[in-house]
C-alpha atoms as a PDB file:
ATOM      1  CA  MET A   1       9.285 -24.901  53.125  1.00  0.00           C
ATOM      2  CA  PRO A   2       6.448 -23.194  51.254  1.00  0.00           C
ATOM      3  CA  ILE A   3       4.443 -20.277  52.626  1.00  0.00           C
ATOM      4  CA  TYR A   4       0.680 -20.779  52.612  1.00  0.00           C
ATOM      5  CA  ARG A   5      -1.961 -18.067  52.941  1.00  0.00           C
ATOM      6  CA  TYR A   6      -5.122 -18.727  54.946  1.00  0.00           C
ATOM      7  CA  GLU A   7      -8.340 -16.698  55.020  1.00  0.00           C
ATOM      8  CA  PRO A   8     -11.462 -16.996  57.206  1.00  0.00           C
ATOM      9  CA  THR A   9     -14.283 -18.961  55.571  1.00  0.00           C
ATOM     10  CA  GLN A  10     -16.958 -16.526  56.782  1.00  0.00           C
ATOM     11  CA  GLU A  11     -16.887 -12.898  55.607  1.00  0.00           C
ATOM     12  CA  GLY A  12     -16.098 -10.526  58.481  1.00  0.00           C
ATOM     13  CA  ALA A  13     -15.349 -13.358  60.923  1.00  0.00           C
ATOM     14  CA  GLY A  14     -12.161 -13.926  62.865  1.00  0.00           C
ATOM     15  CA  CYS A  15      -9.747 -11.992  65.048  1.00  0.00           C
ATOM     16  CA  THR A  16      -7.226  -9.323  64.104  1.00  0.00           C
ATOM     17  CA  HIS A  17      -4.765 -12.074  63.200  1.00  0.00           C
ATOM     18  CA  CYS A  18      -6.947 -13.885  60.646  1.00  0.00           C
ATOM     19  CA  HIS A  19      -9.484 -11.229  59.611  1.00  0.00           C
ATOM     20  CA  GLY A  20      -7.465 -10.052  56.566  1.00  0.00           C
ATOM     21  CA  GLY A  21      -5.737 -13.369  56.061  1.00  0.00           C
ATOM     22  CA  PHE A  22      -2.436 -14.643  57.392  1.00  0.00           C
ATOM     23  CA  GLU A  23       0.585 -16.592  56.133  1.00  0.00           C
ATOM     24  CA  VAL A  24       2.070 -19.727  57.614  1.00  0.00           C
ATOM     25  CA  THR A  25       5.298 -21.556  56.731  1.00  0.00           C
ATOM     26  CA  GLN A  26       4.489 -25.263  56.627  1.00  0.00           C
ATOM     27  CA  ALA A  27       6.168 -28.402  55.403  1.00  0.00           C
ATOM     28  CA  LEU A  28       4.648 -30.012  52.296  1.00  0.00           C
ATOM     29  CA  SER A  29       3.689 -33.030  54.390  1.00  0.00           C
ATOM     30  CA  ALA A  30       1.896 -30.913  57.036  1.00  0.00           C
ATOM     31  CA  GLU A  31      -1.898 -30.954  57.089  1.00  0.00           C
ATOM     32  CA  ARG A  32      -3.866 -27.833  56.172  1.00  0.00           C
ATOM     33  CA  LEU A  33      -5.038 -25.637  59.015  1.00  0.00           C
ATOM     34  CA  ALA A  34      -8.774 -25.871  59.680  1.00  0.00           C
ATOM     35  CA  VAL A  35      -8.980 -23.112  62.315  1.00  0.00           C
ATOM     36  CA  CYS A  36      -7.112 -19.909  63.166  1.00  0.00           C
ATOM     37  CA  PRO A  37      -4.352 -20.662  65.694  1.00  0.00           C
ATOM     38  CA  GLN A  38      -5.305 -17.609  67.792  1.00  0.00           C
ATOM     39  CA  CYS A  39      -9.128 -17.464  67.857  1.00  0.00           C
ATOM     40  CA  GLY A  40     -10.305 -20.833  66.508  1.00  0.00           C
ATOM     41  CA  ALA A  41     -12.373 -19.373  63.620  1.00  0.00           C
ATOM     42  CA  PRO A  42     -12.662 -21.703  60.597  1.00  0.00           C
ATOM     43  CA  VAL A  43     -10.126 -20.884  57.846  1.00  0.00           C
ATOM     44  CA  ARG A  44      -9.315 -22.153  54.345  1.00  0.00           C
ATOM     45  CA  ARG A  45      -6.117 -22.125  52.324  1.00  0.00           C
ATOM     46  CA  ALA A  46      -6.179 -19.406  49.651  1.00  0.00           C
ATOM     47  CA  VAL A  47      -4.903 -19.920  46.121  1.00  0.00           C
ATOM     48  CA  LEU A  48      -2.553 -17.136  45.075  1.00  0.00           C
ATOM     49  CA  PRO A  49      -1.019 -16.350  41.684  1.00  0.00           C
ATOM     50  CA  VAL A  50       2.662 -17.079  41.215  1.00  0.00           C
ATOM     51  CA  SER A  51       4.964 -14.077  41.126  1.00  0.00           C
ATOM     52  CA  VAL A  52       8.324 -14.255  39.417  1.00  0.00           C
ATOM     53  CA  GLY A  53       9.473 -10.859  40.609  1.00  0.00           C
ATOM     54  CA  ARG A  54      10.849  -9.510  37.335  1.00  0.00           C
ATOM     55  CA  SER A  55       9.194  -7.609  34.522  1.00  0.00           C
ATOM     56  CA  ILE A  56       9.670  -8.360  30.839  1.00  0.00           C
ATOM     57  CA  SER A  57      11.241  -4.930  30.219  1.00  0.00           C
ATOM     58  CA  ALA A  58      13.802  -5.526  32.971  1.00  0.00           C
ATOM     59  CA  LEU A  59      14.620  -8.916  31.452  1.00  0.00           C
ATOM     60  CA  ASP A  60      15.007  -7.297  28.007  1.00  0.00           C
ATOM     61  CA  ASP A  61      17.334  -4.660  29.465  1.00  0.00           C
ATOM     62  CA  ARG A  62      19.491  -7.284  31.172  1.00  0.00           C
ATOM     63  CA  ALA A  63      19.695  -9.365  27.956  1.00  0.00           C
ATOM     64  CA  LYS A  64      20.641  -6.274  25.908  1.00  0.00           C
ATOM     65  CA  SER A  65      23.341  -5.255  28.368  1.00  0.00           C
ATOM     66  CA  ALA A  66      24.736  -8.815  28.262  1.00  0.00           C
ATOM     67  CA  GLY A  67      25.122  -8.589  24.482  1.00  0.00           C
ATOM     68  CA  PHE A  68      22.121 -10.657  23.377  1.00  0.00           C
ATOM     69  CA  SER A  69      19.923  -9.674  20.412  1.00  0.00           C
ATOM     70  CA  LYS A  70      16.130  -9.739  20.265  1.00  0.00           C
ATOM     71  CA  LEU A  71      14.443 -10.752  17.013  1.00  0.00           C
ATOM     72  CA  LYS A  72      10.882  -9.918  16.011  1.00  0.00           C
ATOM     73  CA  ARG A  73       8.996 -12.031  13.479  1.00  0.00           C
ATOM     74  CA  VAL A  74       7.847  -9.920  10.503  1.00  0.00           C
ATOM     75  CA  GLY A  75       6.740 -12.666   8.133  1.00  0.00           C
ATOM     76  CA  LYS A  76       6.986 -16.331   7.384  1.00  0.00           C
ATOM     77  CA  GLY A  77      10.618 -17.158   7.982  1.00  0.00           C
ATOM     78  CA  GLU A  78      11.550 -13.457   8.222  1.00  0.00           C
ATOM     79  CA  TYR A  79      12.822 -11.742  11.352  1.00  0.00           C
ATOM     80  CA  GLU A  80      14.213  -8.299  12.048  1.00  0.00           C
ATOM     81  CA  LYS A  81      16.683  -7.438  14.758  1.00  0.00           C
ATOM     82  CA  GLN A  82      15.285  -5.097  17.428  1.00  0.00           C
ATOM     83  CA  TYR A  83      18.542  -4.514  19.319  1.00  0.00           C
END
């Protein structure tokens, strides 16, 4: 089940639970929350960026240690091996 983040619709409104936002695990078929479950303040679902959890440099290091090579394009149809 996905985790959704909710924030109060009014700046500075809400209780200690929803004031800074809160996360709820809900089924995809579940309806969005309209109010905070603890204080009843109106809330909206926040849109958050996706995080993959790995950096490009860490991925490059893992590929290099596994024996893969990285090629960099230097011209039309020309590549040079970086590692």
